[in-house]
Amino acid sequence: MIGVTRECGFLPPLLMYQELLERGYTRSYGGMKRFYRKHFSAPTASLVRPEKPKAYDGGKYPGERVQIDVKYVPKACLYGEKLYQYT
């Protein structure tokens, strides 16, 4: 398929498909278009936009905002009790 592109240049897809059929190509028209899109098209930009970081408002006075983290203490450190660490 790539050899035909080199010989004939870039033809419109339907004419390229007709040329390939004359040379013994057996796959579908959609399969040929997928191949060309994968191998000859320019890479597309991702549609996902990067998130912009939001400004952090720390509060007006100390203690207005508090973050608490809870961790489970593993059994290897204990003797049968379940303990949690609050930070």
PDB file of N, CA and C in Angstrom:
ATOM      1  N   MET A   1       0.826  -1.185   0.000  1.00  0.00           N
ATOM      2  CA  MET A   1       0.000   0.000   0.000  1.00  0.00           C
ATOM      3  C   MET A   1       0.874   1.252   0.000  1.00  0.00           C
ATOM      4  N   ILE A   2       1.958   1.210   0.775  1.00  0.00           N
ATOM      5  CA  ILE A   2       2.843   2.375   0.833  1.00  0.00           C
ATOM      6  C   ILE A   2       3.549   2.566  -0.510  1.00  0.00           C
ATOM      7  N   GLY A   3       3.844   1.446  -1.203  1.00  0.00           N
ATOM      8  CA  GLY A   3       4.479   1.538  -2.511  1.00  0.00           C
ATOM      9  C   GLY A   3       3.595   2.248  -3.521  1.00  0.00           C
ATOM     10  N   VAL A   4       2.288   2.005  -3.452  1.00  0.00           N
ATOM     11  CA  VAL A   4       1.348   2.666  -4.360  1.00  0.00           C
ATOM     12  C   VAL A   4       1.341   4.161  -4.081  1.00  0.00           C
ATOM     13  N   THR A   5       1.429   4.543  -2.829  1.00  0.00           N
ATOM     14  CA  THR A   5       1.467   5.958  -2.474  1.00  0.00           C
ATOM     15  C   THR A   5       2.731   6.603  -3.028  1.00  0.00           C
ATOM     16  N   ARG A   6       3.824   5.886  -2.984  1.00  0.00           N
ATOM     17  CA  ARG A   6       5.076   6.436  -3.524  1.00  0.00           C
ATOM     18  C   ARG A   6       4.996   6.591  -5.041  1.00  0.00           C
ATOM     19  N   GLU A   7       4.378   5.612  -5.720  1.00  0.00           N
ATOM     20  CA  GLU A   7       4.293   5.655  -7.179  1.00  0.00           C
ATOM     21  C   GLU A   7       3.285   6.688  -7.669  1.00  0.00           C
ATOM     22  N   CYS A   8       2.109   6.727  -7.039  1.00  0.00           N
ATOM     23  CA  CYS A   8       1.017   7.570  -7.533  1.00  0.00           C
ATOM     24  C   CYS A   8       0.922   8.902  -6.823  1.00  0.00           C
ATOM     25  N   GLY A   9       1.637   9.079  -5.762  1.00  0.00           N
ATOM     26  CA  GLY A   9       1.472  10.291  -4.970  1.00  0.00           C
ATOM     27  C   GLY A   9       0.206  10.167  -4.127  1.00  0.00           C
ATOM     28  N   PHE A  10      -0.188  11.237  -3.504  1.00  0.00           N
ATOM     29  CA  PHE A  10      -1.385  11.202  -2.674  1.00  0.00           C
ATOM     30  C   PHE A  10      -2.605  11.486  -3.537  1.00  0.00           C
ATOM     31  N   LEU A  11      -3.396  10.450  -3.748  1.00  0.00           N
ATOM     32  CA  LEU A  11      -4.644  10.574  -4.505  1.00  0.00           C
ATOM     33  C   LEU A  11      -5.791  10.740  -3.518  1.00  0.00           C
ATOM     34  N   PRO A  12      -6.936  11.204  -3.989  1.00  0.00           N
ATOM     35  CA  PRO A  12      -8.117  11.176  -3.119  1.00  0.00           C
ATOM     36  C   PRO A  12      -8.389   9.735  -2.690  1.00  0.00           C
ATOM     37  N   PRO A  13      -8.958   9.527  -1.505  1.00  0.00           N
ATOM     38  CA  PRO A  13      -9.096   8.170  -0.971  1.00  0.00           C
ATOM     39  C   PRO A  13      -9.812   7.190  -1.892  1.00  0.00           C
ATOM     40  N   LEU A  14     -10.866   7.618  -2.563  1.00  0.00           N
ATOM     41  CA  LEU A  14     -11.611   6.695  -3.410  1.00  0.00           C
ATOM     42  C   LEU A  14     -10.789   6.265  -4.616  1.00  0.00           C
ATOM     43  N   LEU A  15     -10.053   7.199  -5.209  1.00  0.00           N
ATOM     44  CA  LEU A  15      -9.196   6.834  -6.342  1.00  0.00           C
ATOM     45  C   LEU A  15      -8.045   5.935  -5.888  1.00  0.00           C
ATOM     46  N   MET A  16      -7.515   6.186  -4.707  1.00  0.00           N
ATOM     47  CA  MET A  16      -6.454   5.325  -4.173  1.00  0.00           C
ATOM     48  C   MET A  16      -6.984   3.914  -3.942  1.00  0.00           C
ATOM     49  N   TYR A  17      -8.201   3.816  -3.418  1.00  0.00           N
ATOM     50  CA  TYR A  17      -8.811   2.500  -3.174  1.00  0.00           C
ATOM     51  C   TYR A  17      -9.016   1.758  -4.493  1.00  0.00           C
ATOM     52  N   GLN A  18      -9.462   2.465  -5.521  1.00  0.00           N
ATOM     53  CA  GLN A  18      -9.662   1.846  -6.832  1.00  0.00           C
ATOM     54  C   GLN A  18      -8.328   1.339  -7.387  1.00  0.00           C
ATOM     55  N   GLU A  19      -7.276   2.127  -7.245  1.00  0.00           N
ATOM     56  CA  GLU A  19      -5.949   1.713  -7.715  1.00  0.00           C
ATOM     57  C   GLU A  19      -5.469   0.475  -6.960  1.00  0.00           C
ATOM     58  N   LEU A  20      -5.708   0.463  -5.653  1.00  0.00           N
ATOM     59  CA  LEU A  20      -5.294  -0.693  -4.858  1.00  0.00           C
ATOM     60  C   LEU A  20      -6.073  -1.941  -5.238  1.00  0.00           C
ATOM     61  N   LEU A  21      -7.374  -1.812  -5.509  1.00  0.00           N
ATOM     62  CA  LEU A  21      -8.176  -2.968  -5.926  1.00  0.00           C
ATOM     63  C   LEU A  21      -7.653  -3.554  -7.231  1.00  0.00           C
ATOM     64  N   GLU A  22      -7.242  -2.692  -8.159  1.00  0.00           N
ATOM     65  CA  GLU A  22      -6.691  -3.171  -9.428  1.00  0.00           C
ATOM     66  C   GLU A  22      -5.386  -3.923  -9.219  1.00  0.00           C
ATOM     67  N   ARG A  23      -4.674  -3.619  -8.139  1.00  0.00           N
ATOM     68  CA  ARG A  23      -3.396  -4.279  -7.856  1.00  0.00           C
ATOM     69  C   ARG A  23      -3.543  -5.458  -6.902  1.00  0.00           C
ATOM     70  N   GLY A  24      -4.776  -5.832  -6.542  1.00  0.00           N
ATOM     71  CA  GLY A  24      -4.989  -7.028  -5.741  1.00  0.00           C
ATOM     72  C   GLY A  24      -5.275  -6.788  -4.274  1.00  0.00           C
ATOM     73  N   TYR A  25      -5.575  -5.585  -3.883  1.00  0.00           N
ATOM     74  CA  TYR A  25      -5.907  -5.268  -2.486  1.00  0.00           C
ATOM     75  C   TYR A  25      -7.248  -5.889  -2.139  1.00  0.00           C
ATOM     76  N   THR A  26      -7.352  -6.551  -0.987  1.00  0.00           N
ATOM     77  CA  THR A  26      -8.579  -7.290  -0.660  1.00  0.00           C
ATOM     78  C   THR A  26      -9.325  -6.738   0.539  1.00  0.00           C
ATOM     79  N   ARG A  27      -8.795  -5.763   1.220  1.00  0.00           N
ATOM     80  CA  ARG A  27      -9.460  -5.252   2.427  1.00  0.00           C
ATOM     81  C   ARG A  27     -10.524  -4.221   2.078  1.00  0.00           C
ATOM     82  N   SER A  28     -11.238  -3.770   3.081  1.00  0.00           N
ATOM     83  CA  SER A  28     -12.342  -2.831   2.859  1.00  0.00           C
ATOM     84  C   SER A  28     -11.833  -1.400   2.698  1.00  0.00           C
ATOM     85  N   TYR A  29     -12.732  -0.548   2.217  1.00  0.00           N
ATOM     86  CA  TYR A  29     -12.429   0.871   2.037  1.00  0.00           C
ATOM     87  C   TYR A  29     -12.167   1.529   3.399  1.00  0.00           C
ATOM     88  N   GLY A  30     -12.974   1.186   4.404  1.00  0.00           N
ATOM     89  CA  GLY A  30     -12.778   1.734   5.752  1.00  0.00           C
ATOM     90  C   GLY A  30     -11.447   1.315   6.343  1.00  0.00           C
ATOM     91  N   GLY A  31     -11.040   0.076   6.093  1.00  0.00           N
ATOM     92  CA  GLY A  31      -9.747  -0.395   6.580  1.00  0.00           C
ATOM     93  C   GLY A  31      -8.600   0.365   5.939  1.00  0.00           C
ATOM     94  N   MET A  32      -8.741   0.678   4.649  1.00  0.00           N
ATOM     95  CA  MET A  32      -7.708   1.444   3.966  1.00  0.00           C
ATOM     96  C   MET A  32      -7.623   2.860   4.546  1.00  0.00           C
ATOM     97  N   LYS A  33      -8.769   3.476   4.807  1.00  0.00           N
ATOM     98  CA  LYS A  33      -8.773   4.828   5.370  1.00  0.00           C
ATOM     99  C   LYS A  33      -8.158   4.843   6.767  1.00  0.00           C
ATOM    100  N   ARG A  34      -8.439   3.812   7.578  1.00  0.00           N
ATOM    101  CA  ARG A  34      -7.838   3.723   8.916  1.00  0.00           C
ATOM    102  C   ARG A  34      -6.324   3.620   8.818  1.00  0.00           C
ATOM    103  N   PHE A  35      -5.847   2.793   7.877  1.00  0.00           N
ATOM    104  CA  PHE A  35      -4.410   2.629   7.682  1.00  0.00           C
ATOM    105  C   PHE A  35      -3.766   3.959   7.315  1.00  0.00           C
ATOM    106  N   TYR A  36      -4.374   4.678   6.385  1.00  0.00           N
ATOM    107  CA  TYR A  36      -3.812   5.954   5.962  1.00  0.00           C
ATOM    108  C   TYR A  36      -3.839   6.982   7.084  1.00  0.00           C
ATOM    109  N   ARG A  37      -4.917   6.987   7.859  1.00  0.00           N
ATOM    110  CA  ARG A  37      -5.003   7.930   8.975  1.00  0.00           C
ATOM    111  C   ARG A  37      -3.903   7.641   9.992  1.00  0.00           C
ATOM    112  N   LYS A  38      -3.651   6.347  10.232  1.00  0.00           N
ATOM    113  CA  LYS A  38      -2.661   5.962  11.233  1.00  0.00           C
ATOM    114  C   LYS A  38      -1.234   6.263  10.768  1.00  0.00           C
ATOM    115  N   HIS A  39      -0.957   6.022   9.480  1.00  0.00           N
ATOM    116  CA  HIS A  39       0.421   6.111   9.011  1.00  0.00           C
ATOM    117  C   HIS A  39       0.789   7.427   8.328  1.00  0.00           C
ATOM    118  N   PHE A  40      -0.172   8.182   7.829  1.00  0.00           N
ATOM    119  CA  PHE A  40       0.161   9.361   7.044  1.00  0.00           C
ATOM    120  C   PHE A  40      -0.391  10.666   7.593  1.00  0.00           C
ATOM    121  N   SER A  41      -1.284  10.634   8.549  1.00  0.00           N
ATOM    122  CA  SER A  41      -1.853  11.895   9.022  1.00  0.00           C
ATOM    123  C   SER A  41      -0.955  12.516  10.086  1.00  0.00           C
ATOM    124  N   ALA A  42      -1.111  13.801  10.275  1.00  0.00           N
ATOM    125  CA  ALA A  42      -0.348  14.515  11.296  1.00  0.00           C
ATOM    126  C   ALA A  42      -0.892  14.146  12.666  1.00  0.00           C
ATOM    127  N   PRO A  43      -0.060  14.083  13.672  1.00  0.00           N
ATOM    128  CA  PRO A  43      -0.564  13.762  15.006  1.00  0.00           C
ATOM    129  C   PRO A  43      -1.515  14.850  15.493  1.00  0.00           C
ATOM    130  N   THR A  44      -2.591  14.416  16.107  1.00  0.00           N
ATOM    131  CA  THR A  44      -3.587  15.370  16.576  1.00  0.00           C
ATOM    132  C   THR A  44      -3.278  15.796  17.999  1.00  0.00           C
ATOM    133  N   ALA A  45      -3.660  16.995  18.334  1.00  0.00           N
ATOM    134  CA  ALA A  45      -3.471  17.500  19.690  1.00  0.00           C
ATOM    135  C   ALA A  45      -4.498  16.836  20.606  1.00  0.00           C
ATOM    136  N   SER A  46      -4.133  16.603  21.834  1.00  0.00           N
ATOM    137  CA  SER A  46      -5.066  15.974  22.757  1.00  0.00           C
ATOM    138  C   SER A  46      -6.195  16.940  23.093  1.00  0.00           C
ATOM    139  N   LEU A  47      -7.377  16.393  23.309  1.00  0.00           N
ATOM    140  CA  LEU A  47      -8.540  17.214  23.597  1.00  0.00           C
ATOM    141  C   LEU A  47      -8.635  17.583  25.067  1.00  0.00           C
ATOM    142  N   VAL A  48      -7.841  16.937  25.908  1.00  0.00           N
ATOM    143  CA  VAL A  48      -7.892  17.205  27.340  1.00  0.00           C
ATOM    144  C   VAL A  48      -7.019  18.432  27.626  1.00  0.00           C
ATOM    145  N   ARG A  49      -7.619  19.412  28.202  1.00  0.00           N
ATOM    146  CA  ARG A  49      -6.874  20.622  28.545  1.00  0.00           C
ATOM    147  C   ARG A  49      -6.266  20.456  29.929  1.00  0.00           C
ATOM    148  N   PRO A  50      -5.051  20.930  30.114  1.00  0.00           N
ATOM    149  CA  PRO A  50      -4.443  20.800  31.440  1.00  0.00           C
ATOM    150  C   PRO A  50      -5.181  21.683  32.450  1.00  0.00           C
ATOM    151  N   GLU A  51      -5.296  21.154  33.662  1.00  0.00           N
ATOM    152  CA  GLU A  51      -5.980  21.905  34.716  1.00  0.00           C
ATOM    153  C   GLU A  51      -5.109  23.048  35.198  1.00  0.00           C
ATOM    154  N   LYS A  52      -5.726  24.196  35.375  1.00  0.00           N
ATOM    155  CA  LYS A  52      -4.992  25.339  35.918  1.00  0.00           C
ATOM    156  C   LYS A  52      -5.068  25.259  37.434  1.00  0.00           C
ATOM    157  N   PRO A  53      -3.953  25.417  38.110  1.00  0.00           N
ATOM    158  CA  PRO A  53      -3.996  25.361  39.572  1.00  0.00           C
ATOM    159  C   PRO A  53      -4.793  26.541  40.127  1.00  0.00           C
ATOM    160  N   LYS A  54      -5.609  26.247  41.118  1.00  0.00           N
ATOM    161  CA  LYS A  54      -6.417  27.288  41.741  1.00  0.00           C
ATOM    162  C   LYS A  54      -5.613  27.965  42.851  1.00  0.00           C
ATOM    163  N   ALA A  55      -5.852  29.223  43.010  1.00  0.00           N
ATOM    164  CA  ALA A  55      -5.183  29.965  44.074  1.00  0.00           C
ATOM    165  C   ALA A  55      -5.710  29.481  45.426  1.00  0.00           C
ATOM    166  N   TYR A  56      -4.818  29.276  46.381  1.00  0.00           N
ATOM    167  CA  TYR A  56      -5.202  28.783  47.705  1.00  0.00           C
ATOM    168  C   TYR A  56      -5.491  29.965  48.614  1.00  0.00           C
ATOM    169  N   ASP A  57      -6.684  29.956  49.173  1.00  0.00           N
ATOM    170  CA  ASP A  57      -7.072  30.984  50.128  1.00  0.00           C
ATOM    171  C   ASP A  57      -6.879  30.381  51.517  1.00  0.00           C
ATOM    172  N   GLY A  58      -5.845  30.790  52.188  1.00  0.00           N
ATOM    173  CA  GLY A  58      -5.499  30.191  53.469  1.00  0.00           C
ATOM    174  C   GLY A  58      -6.390  30.595  54.622  1.00  0.00           C
ATOM    175  N   GLY A  59      -7.252  31.535  54.431  1.00  0.00           N
ATOM    176  CA  GLY A  59      -8.107  31.995  55.519  1.00  0.00           C
ATOM    177  C   GLY A  59      -7.651  33.331  56.053  1.00  0.00           C
ATOM    178  N   LYS A  60      -8.525  33.963  56.799  1.00  0.00           N
ATOM    179  CA  LYS A  60      -8.229  35.300  57.308  1.00  0.00           C
ATOM    180  C   LYS A  60      -7.570  35.273  58.687  1.00  0.00           C
ATOM    181  N   TYR A  61      -7.782  34.191  59.437  1.00  0.00           N
ATOM    182  CA  TYR A  61      -7.191  34.102  60.772  1.00  0.00           C
ATOM    183  C   TYR A  61      -6.728  32.656  60.985  1.00  0.00           C
ATOM    184  N   PRO A  62      -5.765  32.400  61.852  1.00  0.00           N
ATOM    185  CA  PRO A  62      -5.245  31.047  62.090  1.00  0.00           C
ATOM    186  C   PRO A  62      -6.352  30.128  62.618  1.00  0.00           C
ATOM    187  N   GLY A  63      -6.419  28.937  62.044  1.00  0.00           N
ATOM    188  CA  GLY A  63      -7.403  27.958  62.481  1.00  0.00           C
ATOM    189  C   GLY A  63      -8.703  28.003  61.696  1.00  0.00           C
ATOM    190  N   GLU A  64      -8.834  28.934  60.764  1.00  0.00           N
ATOM    191  CA  GLU A  64     -10.056  29.005  59.969  1.00  0.00           C
ATOM    192  C   GLU A  64     -10.171  27.787  59.053  1.00  0.00           C
ATOM    193  N   ARG A  65      -9.058  27.393  58.513  1.00  0.00           N
ATOM    194  CA  ARG A  65      -9.028  26.197  57.664  1.00  0.00           C
ATOM    195  C   ARG A  65      -8.137  25.160  58.316  1.00  0.00           C
ATOM    196  N   VAL A  66      -8.632  23.928  58.420  1.00  0.00           N
ATOM    197  CA  VAL A  66      -7.876  22.848  59.057  1.00  0.00           C
ATOM    198  C   VAL A  66      -7.929  21.638  58.146  1.00  0.00           C
ATOM    199  N   GLN A  67      -6.789  20.996  57.961  1.00  0.00           N
ATOM    200  CA  GLN A  67      -6.739  19.762  57.186  1.00  0.00           C
ATOM    201  C   GLN A  67      -6.370  18.636  58.129  1.00  0.00           C
ATOM    202  N   ILE A  68      -7.172  17.587  58.120  1.00  0.00           N
ATOM    203  CA  ILE A  68      -6.937  16.449  59.005  1.00  0.00           C
ATOM    204  C   ILE A  68      -6.686  15.221  58.144  1.00  0.00           C
ATOM    205  N   ASP A  69      -5.631  14.488  58.473  1.00  0.00           N
ATOM    206  CA  ASP A  69      -5.280  13.272  57.755  1.00  0.00           C
ATOM    207  C   ASP A  69      -5.390  12.111  58.738  1.00  0.00           C
ATOM    208  N   VAL A  70      -6.067  11.029  58.336  1.00  0.00           N
ATOM    209  CA  VAL A  70      -6.246   9.867  59.199  1.00  0.00           C
ATOM    210  C   VAL A  70      -5.491   8.694  58.584  1.00  0.00           C
ATOM    211  N   LYS A  71      -4.629   8.076  59.367  1.00  0.00           N
ATOM    212  CA  LYS A  71      -3.851   6.916  58.914  1.00  0.00           C
ATOM    213  C   LYS A  71      -4.135   5.739  59.822  1.00  0.00           C
ATOM    214  N   TYR A  72      -4.221   4.548  59.239  1.00  0.00           N
ATOM    215  CA  TYR A  72      -4.390   3.318  59.993  1.00  0.00           C
ATOM    216  C   TYR A  72      -3.015   2.807  60.379  1.00  0.00           C
ATOM    217  N   VAL A  73      -2.809   2.488  61.637  1.00  0.00           N
ATOM    218  CA  VAL A  73      -1.526   1.972  62.107  1.00  0.00           C
ATOM    219  C   VAL A  73      -1.503   0.468  61.828  1.00  0.00           C
ATOM    220  N   PRO A  74      -0.491  -0.055  61.116  1.00  0.00           N
ATOM    221  CA  PRO A  74      -0.448  -1.476  60.761  1.00  0.00           C
ATOM    222  C   PRO A  74      -0.345  -2.381  61.987  1.00  0.00           C
ATOM    223  N   LYS A  75      -0.829  -3.625  61.843  1.00  0.00           N
ATOM    224  CA  LYS A  75      -0.827  -4.585  62.948  1.00  0.00           C
ATOM    225  C   LYS A  75       0.586  -4.994  63.353  1.00  0.00           C
ATOM    226  N   ALA A  76       1.545  -4.860  62.436  1.00  0.00           N
ATOM    227  CA  ALA A  76       2.918  -5.235  62.766  1.00  0.00           C
ATOM    228  C   ALA A  76       3.478  -4.342  63.879  1.00  0.00           C
ATOM    229  N   CYS A  77       2.933  -3.155  64.033  1.00  0.00           N
ATOM    230  CA  CYS A  77       3.410  -2.227  65.057  1.00  0.00           C
ATOM    231  C   CYS A  77       2.656  -2.392  66.373  1.00  0.00           C
ATOM    232  N   LEU A  78       1.602  -3.190  66.398  1.00  0.00           N
ATOM    233  CA  LEU A  78       0.723  -3.262  67.572  1.00  0.00           C
ATOM    234  C   LEU A  78       0.590  -4.694  68.081  1.00  0.00           C
ATOM    235  N   TYR A  79      -0.134  -4.829  69.171  1.00  0.00           N
ATOM    236  CA  TYR A  79      -0.379  -6.149  69.759  1.00  0.00           C
ATOM    237  C   TYR A  79      -1.875  -6.417  69.790  1.00  0.00           C
ATOM    238  N   GLY A  80      -2.549  -6.421  68.640  1.00  0.00           N
ATOM    239  CA  GLY A  80      -3.942  -6.813  68.568  1.00  0.00           C
ATOM    240  C   GLY A  80      -4.946  -5.667  68.551  1.00  0.00           C
ATOM    241  N   GLU A  81      -4.538  -4.460  68.872  1.00  0.00           N
ATOM    242  CA  GLU A  81      -5.482  -3.337  68.882  1.00  0.00           C
ATOM    243  C   GLU A  81      -5.496  -2.667  67.516  1.00  0.00           C
ATOM    244  N   LYS A  82      -6.600  -1.988  67.225  1.00  0.00           N
ATOM    245  CA  LYS A  82      -6.667  -1.157  66.031  1.00  0.00           C
ATOM    246  C   LYS A  82      -6.468   0.283  66.461  1.00  0.00           C
ATOM    247  N   LEU A  83      -5.465   0.921  65.869  1.00  0.00           N
ATOM    248  CA  LEU A  83      -5.213   2.304  66.206  1.00  0.00           C
ATOM    249  C   LEU A  83      -5.175   3.144  64.937  1.00  0.00           C
ATOM    250  N   TYR A  84      -5.549   4.406  65.103  1.00  0.00           N
ATOM    251  CA  TYR A  84      -5.523   5.352  63.994  1.00  0.00           C
ATOM    252  C   TYR A  84      -4.730   6.573  64.423  1.00  0.00           C
ATOM    253  N   GLN A  85      -4.021   7.145  63.476  1.00  0.00           N
ATOM    254  CA  GLN A  85      -3.232   8.326  63.745  1.00  0.00           C
ATOM    255  C   GLN A  85      -3.895   9.505  63.036  1.00  0.00           C
ATOM    256  N   TYR A  86      -4.216  10.535  63.797  1.00  0.00           N
ATOM    257  CA  TYR A  86      -4.806  11.762  63.244  1.00  0.00           C
ATOM    258  C   TYR A  86      -3.724  12.834  63.185  1.00  0.00           C
ATOM    259  N   THR A  87      -3.497  13.358  62.007  1.00  0.00           N
ATOM    260  CA  THR A  87      -2.472  14.393  61.831  1.00  0.00           C
ATOM    261  C   THR A  87      -3.131  15.680  61.369  1.00  0.00           C
TER     262      THR A  87
END
